[in-house]
């Protein structure tokens, strides 16, 4: 899975549905790559934007999911 983003998501405002579409099918193995994609999509949004709120919620969920991947990255 690539961390590059679909061109249409970069040329319009990110929506809650975009965030859910990215995060929904996440597996532990790809969760950190998806987290990074979501971070890039929401970084310019204001704190109260619904897509940013959902993005931050999904980032936490993805980080928890990554803890179950069996990969030692980020632990120490």
N, C-alpha and C. Protein backbone atom coordinates (compact mmCIF):
# COMPACT_ATOMS: atom_id res chain seq x y z
N UNK A 1 0.85 -1.18 0.00
CA UNK A 1 0.00 0.00 0.00
C UNK A 1 0.89 1.23 0.00
N UNK A 2 0.57 2.15 -0.81
CA UNK A 2 1.32 3.38 -0.95
C UNK A 2 0.78 4.46 -0.03
N UNK A 3 1.66 5.37 0.35
CA UNK A 3 1.21 6.51 1.14
C UNK A 3 0.84 7.69 0.24
N UNK A 4 0.94 7.52 -1.06
CA UNK A 4 0.52 8.60 -1.95
C UNK A 4 -1.00 8.64 -2.00
N UNK A 5 -1.52 9.80 -2.28
CA UNK A 5 -2.97 10.02 -2.21
C UNK A 5 -3.58 10.12 -3.59
N UNK A 6 -4.83 9.73 -3.67
CA UNK A 6 -5.59 9.90 -4.91
C UNK A 6 -5.66 11.38 -5.25
N UNK A 7 -5.49 11.69 -6.50
CA UNK A 7 -5.46 13.09 -6.95
C UNK A 7 -6.75 13.83 -6.62
N UNK A 8 -7.90 13.17 -6.73
CA UNK A 8 -9.15 13.88 -6.47
C UNK A 8 -9.29 14.29 -5.01
N UNK A 9 -8.68 13.57 -4.09
CA UNK A 9 -8.75 13.96 -2.68
C UNK A 9 -7.88 15.18 -2.38
N UNK A 10 -6.93 15.45 -3.25
CA UNK A 10 -6.04 16.58 -3.04
C UNK A 10 -6.55 17.86 -3.67
N UNK A 11 -7.55 17.77 -4.53
CA UNK A 11 -8.04 18.95 -5.23
C UNK A 11 -9.39 19.45 -4.72
N UNK A 12 -9.92 18.81 -3.71
CA UNK A 12 -11.19 19.24 -3.12
C UNK A 12 -11.11 19.10 -1.61
N UNK A 13 -12.09 19.63 -0.95
CA UNK A 13 -12.12 19.57 0.51
C UNK A 13 -12.34 18.13 0.97
N UNK A 14 -11.57 17.71 1.95
CA UNK A 14 -11.67 16.37 2.51
C UNK A 14 -12.96 16.27 3.32
N UNK A 15 -13.63 15.13 3.21
CA UNK A 15 -14.88 14.93 3.94
C UNK A 15 -14.73 13.81 4.97
N UNK A 16 -15.70 13.74 5.85
CA UNK A 16 -15.75 12.66 6.83
C UNK A 16 -15.80 11.32 6.10
N UNK A 17 -16.55 11.25 5.02
CA UNK A 17 -16.64 10.01 4.24
C UNK A 17 -15.29 9.61 3.66
N UNK A 18 -14.48 10.58 3.24
CA UNK A 18 -13.13 10.26 2.75
C UNK A 18 -12.31 9.59 3.84
N UNK A 19 -12.37 10.16 5.02
CA UNK A 19 -11.61 9.61 6.15
C UNK A 19 -12.07 8.20 6.47
N UNK A 20 -13.37 8.02 6.53
CA UNK A 20 -13.92 6.69 6.84
C UNK A 20 -13.60 5.68 5.75
N UNK A 21 -13.59 6.11 4.50
CA UNK A 21 -13.26 5.21 3.40
C UNK A 21 -11.81 4.73 3.50
N UNK A 22 -10.92 5.60 3.93
CA UNK A 22 -9.52 5.22 4.11
C UNK A 22 -9.32 4.31 5.32
N UNK A 23 -9.92 4.68 6.43
CA UNK A 23 -9.65 3.99 7.69
C UNK A 23 -10.46 2.71 7.87
N UNK A 24 -11.62 2.64 7.28
CA UNK A 24 -12.51 1.52 7.52
C UNK A 24 -11.91 0.15 7.26
N UNK A 25 -11.31 -0.08 6.09
CA UNK A 25 -10.80 -1.42 5.79
C UNK A 25 -9.37 -1.68 6.30
N UNK A 26 -8.87 -0.88 7.19
CA UNK A 26 -7.49 -0.99 7.65
C UNK A 26 -7.22 -2.32 8.34
N UNK A 27 -6.06 -2.85 8.05
CA UNK A 27 -5.57 -4.04 8.74
C UNK A 27 -4.38 -3.60 9.59
N UNK A 28 -4.00 -4.40 10.59
CA UNK A 28 -2.86 -4.00 11.42
C UNK A 28 -1.60 -3.72 10.59
N UNK A 29 -1.37 -4.51 9.57
CA UNK A 29 -0.15 -4.38 8.78
C UNK A 29 -0.05 -3.02 8.06
N UNK A 30 -1.17 -2.48 7.59
CA UNK A 30 -1.16 -1.22 6.83
C UNK A 30 -1.66 -0.02 7.63
N UNK A 31 -1.98 -0.21 8.89
CA UNK A 31 -2.61 0.87 9.65
C UNK A 31 -1.75 2.13 9.79
N UNK A 32 -0.43 1.98 9.91
CA UNK A 32 0.41 3.18 10.06
C UNK A 32 0.53 3.95 8.75
N UNK A 33 0.50 3.25 7.62
CA UNK A 33 0.51 3.95 6.33
C UNK A 33 -0.80 4.72 6.13
N UNK A 34 -1.89 4.12 6.51
CA UNK A 34 -3.19 4.80 6.39
C UNK A 34 -3.23 5.98 7.35
N UNK A 35 -2.71 5.80 8.55
CA UNK A 35 -2.63 6.92 9.51
C UNK A 35 -1.89 8.10 8.91
N UNK A 36 -0.78 7.83 8.25
CA UNK A 36 0.02 8.90 7.64
C UNK A 36 -0.75 9.61 6.53
N UNK A 37 -1.49 8.84 5.74
CA UNK A 37 -2.31 9.46 4.69
C UNK A 37 -3.37 10.37 5.28
N UNK A 38 -4.01 9.92 6.34
CA UNK A 38 -5.04 10.75 6.99
C UNK A 38 -4.42 12.00 7.59
N UNK A 39 -3.27 11.87 8.22
CA UNK A 39 -2.59 13.05 8.78
C UNK A 39 -2.35 14.12 7.71
N UNK A 40 -1.89 13.69 6.53
CA UNK A 40 -1.64 14.63 5.45
C UNK A 40 -2.93 15.30 4.98
N UNK A 41 -4.00 14.54 4.93
CA UNK A 41 -5.27 15.08 4.45
C UNK A 41 -5.88 16.11 5.40
N UNK A 42 -5.68 15.92 6.71
CA UNK A 42 -6.35 16.80 7.67
C UNK A 42 -5.47 17.90 8.23
N UNK A 43 -4.19 17.90 7.93
CA UNK A 43 -3.27 18.84 8.58
C UNK A 43 -3.65 20.31 8.39
N UNK A 44 -4.24 20.67 7.28
CA UNK A 44 -4.58 22.07 7.03
C UNK A 44 -6.00 22.44 7.47
N UNK A 45 -6.76 21.47 7.93
CA UNK A 45 -8.15 21.74 8.34
C UNK A 45 -8.19 22.37 9.73
N UNK A 46 -9.15 23.24 9.98
CA UNK A 46 -9.30 23.82 11.32
C UNK A 46 -9.71 22.75 12.33
N UNK A 47 -9.40 22.97 13.58
CA UNK A 47 -9.65 21.99 14.64
C UNK A 47 -11.11 21.56 14.73
N UNK A 48 -12.04 22.43 14.41
CA UNK A 48 -13.46 22.11 14.55
C UNK A 48 -14.07 21.47 13.31
N UNK A 49 -13.30 21.33 12.26
CA UNK A 49 -13.81 20.73 11.03
C UNK A 49 -14.19 19.27 11.29
N UNK A 50 -15.37 18.84 10.89
CA UNK A 50 -15.81 17.46 11.15
C UNK A 50 -14.86 16.41 10.56
N UNK A 51 -14.26 16.68 9.40
CA UNK A 51 -13.32 15.72 8.81
C UNK A 51 -12.05 15.61 9.65
N UNK A 52 -11.63 16.73 10.23
CA UNK A 52 -10.44 16.68 11.09
C UNK A 52 -10.74 15.93 12.38
N UNK A 53 -11.89 16.20 12.96
CA UNK A 53 -12.29 15.50 14.20
C UNK A 53 -12.34 13.99 13.95
N UNK A 54 -12.96 13.59 12.85
CA UNK A 54 -13.03 12.16 12.51
C UNK A 54 -11.64 11.62 12.18
N UNK A 55 -10.83 12.40 11.51
CA UNK A 55 -9.46 11.98 11.20
C UNK A 55 -8.65 11.73 12.44
N UNK A 56 -8.74 12.61 13.42
CA UNK A 56 -8.00 12.43 14.67
C UNK A 56 -8.49 11.20 15.43
N UNK A 57 -9.80 10.96 15.38
CA UNK A 57 -10.36 9.78 16.03
C UNK A 57 -9.85 8.51 15.35
N UNK A 58 -9.83 8.52 14.04
CA UNK A 58 -9.36 7.36 13.30
C UNK A 58 -7.85 7.15 13.46
N UNK A 59 -7.09 8.23 13.57
CA UNK A 59 -5.65 8.10 13.80
C UNK A 59 -5.39 7.36 15.11
N UNK A 60 -6.11 7.69 16.15
CA UNK A 60 -5.95 6.97 17.42
C UNK A 60 -6.30 5.50 17.27
N UNK A 61 -7.38 5.23 16.54
CA UNK A 61 -7.80 3.84 16.34
C UNK A 61 -6.74 3.07 15.53
N UNK A 62 -6.20 3.70 14.51
CA UNK A 62 -5.19 3.05 13.68
C UNK A 62 -3.90 2.78 14.45
N UNK A 63 -3.53 3.69 15.33
CA UNK A 63 -2.34 3.47 16.14
C UNK A 63 -2.54 2.30 17.09
N UNK A 64 -3.74 2.18 17.63
CA UNK A 64 -4.06 1.03 18.48
C UNK A 64 -4.04 -0.26 17.65
N UNK A 65 -4.58 -0.21 16.46
CA UNK A 65 -4.59 -1.37 15.58
C UNK A 65 -3.17 -1.80 15.22
N UNK A 66 -2.28 -0.84 15.02
CA UNK A 66 -0.88 -1.13 14.67
C UNK A 66 -0.18 -1.88 15.80
N UNK A 67 -0.60 -1.66 17.02
CA UNK A 67 0.01 -2.33 18.15
C UNK A 67 -0.22 -3.84 18.09
N UNK A 68 -1.14 -4.26 17.25
CA UNK A 68 -1.45 -5.69 17.13
C UNK A 68 -0.93 -6.29 15.83
N UNK A 69 0.00 -5.61 15.19
CA UNK A 69 0.48 -6.06 13.88
C UNK A 69 1.60 -7.09 13.99
N UNK A 70 2.21 -7.19 15.14
CA UNK A 70 3.33 -8.10 15.28
C UNK A 70 4.65 -7.50 14.83
N UNK A 71 4.62 -6.26 14.35
CA UNK A 71 5.83 -5.59 13.93
C UNK A 71 6.37 -4.74 15.07
N UNK A 72 7.68 -4.76 15.27
CA UNK A 72 8.27 -4.05 16.41
C UNK A 72 8.49 -2.55 16.20
N UNK A 73 8.10 -2.00 15.04
CA UNK A 73 8.34 -0.58 14.79
C UNK A 73 7.70 0.30 15.86
N UNK A 74 8.45 1.28 16.34
CA UNK A 74 7.91 2.26 17.26
C UNK A 74 7.88 1.80 18.71
N UNK A 75 8.33 0.62 18.96
CA UNK A 75 8.34 0.15 20.35
C UNK A 75 9.77 0.13 20.86
N UNK A 76 9.92 0.38 22.12
CA UNK A 76 11.27 0.32 22.64
C UNK A 76 11.33 0.52 24.10
